[in-house]
Amino acid sequence: MFGCFRRGEANDPEIYATAIAALLADYPADVIEHVTDPRTGLVSRCDYLPTPKEVRDACEAILGPRRRAEERQRQLEMQLGARREDRDRAERLTYDDLKARHGDNWGLSSGTTDQERAAAAARRREILEEANRRTFEAECKAADVDPAGGISPTLRKLLAAAT
């Protein structure tokens, strides 16, 4: 771009070139190409070496509409998302619908009484005790220890290590 102009008026050409390069580095490659191209850029519109502000303004003139379009698209997507949420919310069951479907206890205990809950707890304890008994017997058998002693081989090892 600089080679297309008559001799420049910059006090320090190195600082000027560095400033313009730093400014252009903030923009996408296609914007830089457009602004610096002799057919479309500042060279075809200016009779003199452009100031950093003029370079920035030229870049913003290209990038500004793009940013605004992206912002409009983002806003549109947010609005559509909010509308979808509203529609989904409208299709959700109400408190009364859920209560009618699942009953007063919300389907968690399906109408069990205190006696039924106590019987279920007792059954769970029986199942757990049976599982513990089988595990204990299997451990004793694997270690060739008589289960009648009531102490598992693992517990014996722990007690021996503690003393």
C-alpha atoms as a PDB file:
ATOM      1  CA  MET A   1       0.000   0.000   0.000  1.00  0.00           C
ATOM      2  CA  PHE A   2       2.742   2.477   0.948  1.00  0.00           C
ATOM      3  CA  GLY A   3       4.526   2.086  -2.371  1.00  0.00           C
ATOM      4  CA  CYS A   4       1.486   3.406  -4.249  1.00  0.00           C
ATOM      5  CA  PHE A   5       1.701   6.911  -2.751  1.00  0.00           C
ATOM      6  CA  ARG A   6       4.033   9.815  -3.408  1.00  0.00           C
ATOM      7  CA  ARG A   7       6.679  10.386  -0.852  1.00  0.00           C
ATOM      8  CA  GLY A   8       5.033  10.356   2.583  1.00  0.00           C
ATOM      9  CA  GLU A   9       4.869  13.117   5.143  1.00  0.00           C
ATOM     10  CA  ALA A  10       5.384  10.917   8.198  1.00  0.00           C
ATOM     11  CA  ASN A  11       7.978  12.293  10.628  1.00  0.00           C
ATOM     12  CA  ASP A  12       9.313   8.812  11.310  1.00  0.00           C
ATOM     13  CA  PRO A  13       8.499   6.308   8.538  1.00  0.00           C
ATOM     14  CA  GLU A  14       9.412   3.322  10.736  1.00  0.00           C
ATOM     15  CA  ILE A  15       6.989   4.340  13.506  1.00  0.00           C
ATOM     16  CA  TYR A  16       4.302   5.094  10.913  1.00  0.00           C
ATOM     17  CA  ALA A  17       4.678   1.679   9.241  1.00  0.00           C
ATOM     18  CA  THR A  18       4.671  -0.048  12.649  1.00  0.00           C
ATOM     19  CA  ALA A  19       1.507   1.800  13.691  1.00  0.00           C
ATOM     20  CA  ILE A  20      -0.305   0.898  10.472  1.00  0.00           C
ATOM     21  CA  ALA A  21       0.829  -2.750  10.750  1.00  0.00           C
ATOM     22  CA  ALA A  22      -0.354  -2.918  14.388  1.00  0.00           C
ATOM     23  CA  LEU A  23      -3.687  -1.418  13.398  1.00  0.00           C
ATOM     24  CA  LEU A  24      -4.206  -3.840  10.510  1.00  0.00           C
ATOM     25  CA  ALA A  25      -3.249  -6.818  12.703  1.00  0.00           C
ATOM     26  CA  ASP A  26      -6.523  -6.381  14.604  1.00  0.00           C
ATOM     27  CA  TYR A  27      -8.596  -7.166  11.506  1.00  0.00           C
ATOM     28  CA  PRO A  28      -9.295 -10.348   9.493  1.00  0.00           C
ATOM     29  CA  ALA A  29      -7.147 -11.012   6.426  1.00  0.00           C
ATOM     30  CA  ASP A  30      -9.946 -10.292   3.951  1.00  0.00           C
ATOM     31  CA  VAL A  31     -10.501  -6.828   5.460  1.00  0.00           C
ATOM     32  CA  ILE A  32      -6.763  -6.075   5.292  1.00  0.00           C
ATOM     33  CA  GLU A  33      -6.645  -7.217   1.676  1.00  0.00           C
ATOM     34  CA  HIS A  34      -9.632  -5.057   0.759  1.00  0.00           C
ATOM     35  CA  VAL A  35      -8.242  -1.926   2.455  1.00  0.00           C
ATOM     36  CA  THR A  36      -4.727  -2.329   1.024  1.00  0.00           C
ATOM     37  CA  ASP A  37      -5.711  -3.457  -2.496  1.00  0.00           C
ATOM     38  CA  PRO A  38      -5.048  -0.692  -5.050  1.00  0.00           C
ATOM     39  CA  ARG A  39      -8.347  -1.439  -6.791  1.00  0.00           C
ATOM     40  CA  THR A  40     -10.639  -1.307  -3.748  1.00  0.00           C
ATOM     41  CA  GLY A  41      -8.722   0.183  -0.849  1.00  0.00           C
ATOM     42  CA  LEU A  42      -7.403   3.467   0.410  1.00  0.00           C
ATOM     43  CA  VAL A  43      -4.962   3.802  -2.475  1.00  0.00           C
ATOM     44  CA  SER A  44      -7.856   4.298  -4.892  1.00  0.00           C
ATOM     45  CA  ARG A  45      -9.520   6.904  -2.638  1.00  0.00           C
ATOM     46  CA  CYS A  46      -6.685   8.968  -1.156  1.00  0.00           C
ATOM     47  CA  ASP A  47      -4.242  11.343  -2.828  1.00  0.00           C
ATOM     48  CA  TYR A  48      -1.911  11.270   0.147  1.00  0.00           C
ATOM     49  CA  LEU A  49      -0.545   8.822   2.685  1.00  0.00           C
ATOM     50  CA  PRO A  50      -3.486   7.837   4.970  1.00  0.00           C
ATOM     51  CA  THR A  51      -3.318   8.495   8.686  1.00  0.00           C
ATOM     52  CA  PRO A  52      -3.733   5.579  11.105  1.00  0.00           C
ATOM     53  CA  LYS A  53      -7.244   6.886  11.849  1.00  0.00           C
ATOM     54  CA  GLU A  54      -8.160   6.772   8.166  1.00  0.00           C
ATOM     55  CA  VAL A  55      -6.864   3.186   7.924  1.00  0.00           C
ATOM     56  CA  ARG A  56      -8.891   2.221  10.989  1.00  0.00           C
ATOM     57  CA  ASP A  57     -12.011   3.958   9.647  1.00  0.00           C
ATOM     58  CA  ALA A  58     -11.642   2.111   6.328  1.00  0.00           C
ATOM     59  CA  CYS A  59     -11.335  -1.226   8.122  1.00  0.00           C
ATOM     60  CA  GLU A  60     -14.322  -0.463  10.347  1.00  0.00           C
ATOM     61  CA  ALA A  61     -16.388   0.537   7.317  1.00  0.00           C
ATOM     62  CA  ILE A  62     -15.965  -3.023   6.049  1.00  0.00           C
ATOM     63  CA  LEU A  63     -16.109  -4.885   9.337  1.00  0.00           C
ATOM     64  CA  GLY A  64     -18.858  -2.794  11.019  1.00  0.00           C
ATOM     65  CA  PRO A  65     -21.756  -4.101   8.909  1.00  0.00           C
ATOM     66  CA  ARG A  66     -20.500  -7.644   9.430  1.00  0.00           C
ATOM     67  CA  ARG A  67     -20.436  -7.199  13.204  1.00  0.00           C
ATOM     68  CA  ARG A  68     -23.915  -5.673  13.190  1.00  0.00           C
ATOM     69  CA  ALA A  69     -25.246  -8.576  11.105  1.00  0.00           C
ATOM     70  CA  GLU A  70     -23.677 -11.069  13.527  1.00  0.00           C
ATOM     71  CA  GLU A  71     -25.210  -9.222  16.479  1.00  0.00           C
ATOM     72  CA  ARG A  72     -28.636  -9.221  14.779  1.00  0.00           C
ATOM     73  CA  GLN A  73     -28.300 -12.954  14.156  1.00  0.00           C
ATOM     74  CA  ARG A  74     -27.310 -13.569  17.785  1.00  0.00           C
ATOM     75  CA  GLN A  75     -30.291 -11.521  19.003  1.00  0.00           C
ATOM     76  CA  LEU A  76     -32.616 -13.388  16.637  1.00  0.00           C
ATOM     77  CA  GLU A  77     -31.372 -16.748  17.896  1.00  0.00           C
ATOM     78  CA  MET A  78     -31.880 -15.624  21.494  1.00  0.00           C
ATOM     79  CA  GLN A  79     -35.458 -14.523  20.703  1.00  0.00           C
ATOM     80  CA  LEU A  80     -36.230 -17.782  18.935  1.00  0.00           C
ATOM     81  CA  GLY A  81     -34.749 -19.736  21.845  1.00  0.00           C
ATOM     82  CA  ALA A  82     -36.903 -17.784  24.303  1.00  0.00           C
ATOM     83  CA  ARG A  83     -39.978 -18.480  22.191  1.00  0.00           C
ATOM     84  CA  ARG A  84     -39.145 -22.191  22.125  1.00  0.00           C
ATOM     85  CA  GLU A  85     -38.771 -22.160  25.911  1.00  0.00           C
ATOM     86  CA  ASP A  86     -42.117 -20.406  26.260  1.00  0.00           C
ATOM     87  CA  ARG A  87     -43.769 -22.947  23.960  1.00  0.00           C
ATOM     88  CA  ASP A  88     -42.141 -25.842  25.831  1.00  0.00           C
ATOM     89  CA  ARG A  89     -43.220 -24.336  29.128  1.00  0.00           C
ATOM     90  CA  ALA A  90     -46.791 -24.023  27.845  1.00  0.00           C
ATOM     91  CA  GLU A  91     -46.784 -27.706  26.902  1.00  0.00           C
ATOM     92  CA  ARG A  92     -45.590 -28.816  30.337  1.00  0.00           C
ATOM     93  CA  LEU A  93     -48.023 -30.426  32.713  1.00  0.00           C
ATOM     94  CA  THR A  94     -49.373 -28.239  35.486  1.00  0.00           C
ATOM     95  CA  TYR A  95     -49.170 -29.036  39.189  1.00  0.00           C
ATOM     96  CA  ASP A  96     -52.751 -30.277  39.131  1.00  0.00           C
ATOM     97  CA  ASP A  97     -52.056 -32.471  36.061  1.00  0.00           C
ATOM     98  CA  LEU A  98     -49.066 -34.069  37.777  1.00  0.00           C
ATOM     99  CA  LYS A  99     -50.945 -34.600  41.010  1.00  0.00           C
ATOM    100  CA  ALA A 100     -53.832 -36.239  39.116  1.00  0.00           C
ATOM    101  CA  ARG A 101     -51.391 -38.486  37.259  1.00  0.00           C
ATOM    102  CA  HIS A 102     -49.242 -39.549  40.240  1.00  0.00           C
ATOM    103  CA  GLY A 103     -51.508 -39.153  43.250  1.00  0.00           C
ATOM    104  CA  ASP A 104     -50.898 -37.417  46.552  1.00  0.00           C
ATOM    105  CA  ASN A 105     -47.564 -39.116  47.161  1.00  0.00           C
ATOM    106  CA  TRP A 106     -46.288 -38.326  43.634  1.00  0.00           C
ATOM    107  CA  GLY A 107     -45.835 -41.995  42.850  1.00  0.00           C
ATOM    108  CA  LEU A 108     -42.970 -42.386  45.308  1.00  0.00           C
ATOM    109  CA  SER A 109     -44.478 -44.941  47.646  1.00  0.00           C
ATOM    110  CA  SER A 110     -47.630 -45.824  45.689  1.00  0.00           C
ATOM    111  CA  GLY A 111     -50.020 -45.655  48.633  1.00  0.00           C
ATOM    112  CA  THR A 112     -48.063 -47.768  51.117  1.00  0.00           C
ATOM    113  CA  THR A 113     -49.041 -47.740  54.739  1.00  0.00           C
ATOM    114  CA  ASP A 114     -46.698 -47.645  57.750  1.00  0.00           C
ATOM    115  CA  GLN A 115     -47.051 -51.431  58.097  1.00  0.00           C
ATOM    116  CA  GLU A 116     -46.174 -51.965  54.433  1.00  0.00           C
ATOM    117  CA  ARG A 117     -43.114 -49.702  54.758  1.00  0.00           C
ATOM    118  CA  ALA A 118     -41.981 -51.571  57.887  1.00  0.00           C
ATOM    119  CA  ALA A 119     -42.438 -54.924  56.122  1.00  0.00           C
ATOM    120  CA  ALA A 120     -40.428 -53.650  53.123  1.00  0.00           C
ATOM    121  CA  ALA A 121     -37.631 -52.463  55.450  1.00  0.00           C
ATOM    122  CA  ALA A 122     -37.594 -55.855  57.182  1.00  0.00           C
ATOM    123  CA  ARG A 123     -37.367 -57.602  53.802  1.00  0.00           C
ATOM    124  CA  ARG A 124     -34.459 -55.373  52.758  1.00  0.00           C
ATOM    125  CA  ARG A 125     -32.673 -56.231  56.034  1.00  0.00           C
ATOM    126  CA  GLU A 126     -33.234 -59.959  55.387  1.00  0.00           C
ATOM    127  CA  ILE A 127     -31.801 -59.665  51.891  1.00  0.00           C
ATOM    128  CA  LEU A 128     -28.760 -57.751  53.181  1.00  0.00           C
ATOM    129  CA  GLU A 129     -28.173 -60.256  55.985  1.00  0.00           C
ATOM    130  CA  GLU A 130     -28.372 -63.153  53.496  1.00  0.00           C
ATOM    131  CA  ALA A 131     -25.886 -61.410  51.183  1.00  0.00           C
ATOM    132  CA  ASN A 132     -23.510 -60.802  54.108  1.00  0.00           C
ATOM    133  CA  ARG A 133     -23.813 -64.430  55.237  1.00  0.00           C
ATOM    134  CA  ARG A 134     -22.989 -65.732  51.743  1.00  0.00           C
ATOM    135  CA  THR A 135     -20.017 -63.381  51.417  1.00  0.00           C
ATOM    136  CA  PHE A 136     -18.708 -64.445  54.830  1.00  0.00           C
ATOM    137  CA  GLU A 137     -19.039 -68.140  53.978  1.00  0.00           C
ATOM    138  CA  ALA A 138     -17.328 -67.667  50.601  1.00  0.00           C
ATOM    139  CA  GLU A 139     -14.423 -65.821  52.251  1.00  0.00           C
ATOM    140  CA  CYS A 140     -14.054 -68.518  54.908  1.00  0.00           C
ATOM    141  CA  LYS A 141     -14.135 -71.252  52.277  1.00  0.00           C
ATOM    142  CA  ALA A 142     -11.498 -69.481  50.148  1.00  0.00           C
ATOM    143  CA  ALA A 143      -9.223 -69.137  53.199  1.00  0.00           C
ATOM    144  CA  ASP A 144      -9.987 -72.688  54.395  1.00  0.00           C
ATOM    145  CA  VAL A 145     -11.361 -71.381  57.726  1.00  0.00           C
ATOM    146  CA  ASP A 146     -14.336 -72.798  59.621  1.00  0.00           C
ATOM    147  CA  PRO A 147     -17.222 -70.251  59.421  1.00  0.00           C
ATOM    148  CA  ALA A 148     -18.542 -71.471  62.783  1.00  0.00           C
ATOM    149  CA  GLY A 149     -15.842 -69.378  64.462  1.00  0.00           C
ATOM    150  CA  GLY A 150     -17.798 -66.253  63.530  1.00  0.00           C
ATOM    151  CA  ILE A 151     -14.732 -64.217  62.555  1.00  0.00           C
ATOM    152  CA  SER A 152     -13.827 -63.636  58.934  1.00  0.00           C
ATOM    153  CA  PRO A 153     -10.279 -64.259  57.726  1.00  0.00           C
ATOM    154  CA  THR A 154      -9.947 -60.571  56.848  1.00  0.00           C
ATOM    155  CA  LEU A 155     -10.911 -59.541  60.378  1.00  0.00           C
ATOM    156  CA  ARG A 156      -8.410 -62.054  61.827  1.00  0.00           C
ATOM    157  CA  LYS A 157      -5.622 -60.506  59.704  1.00  0.00           C
ATOM    158  CA  LEU A 158      -6.571 -57.000  60.802  1.00  0.00           C
ATOM    159  CA  LEU A 159      -6.631 -58.014  64.473  1.00  0.00           C
ATOM    160  CA  ALA A 160      -3.287 -59.771  64.149  1.00  0.00           C
ATOM    161  CA  ALA A 161      -1.730 -56.712  62.501  1.00  0.00           C
ATOM    162  CA  ALA A 162      -3.121 -54.407  65.222  1.00  0.00           C
ATOM    163  CA  THR A 163      -1.506 -56.380  68.041  1.00  0.00           C
END
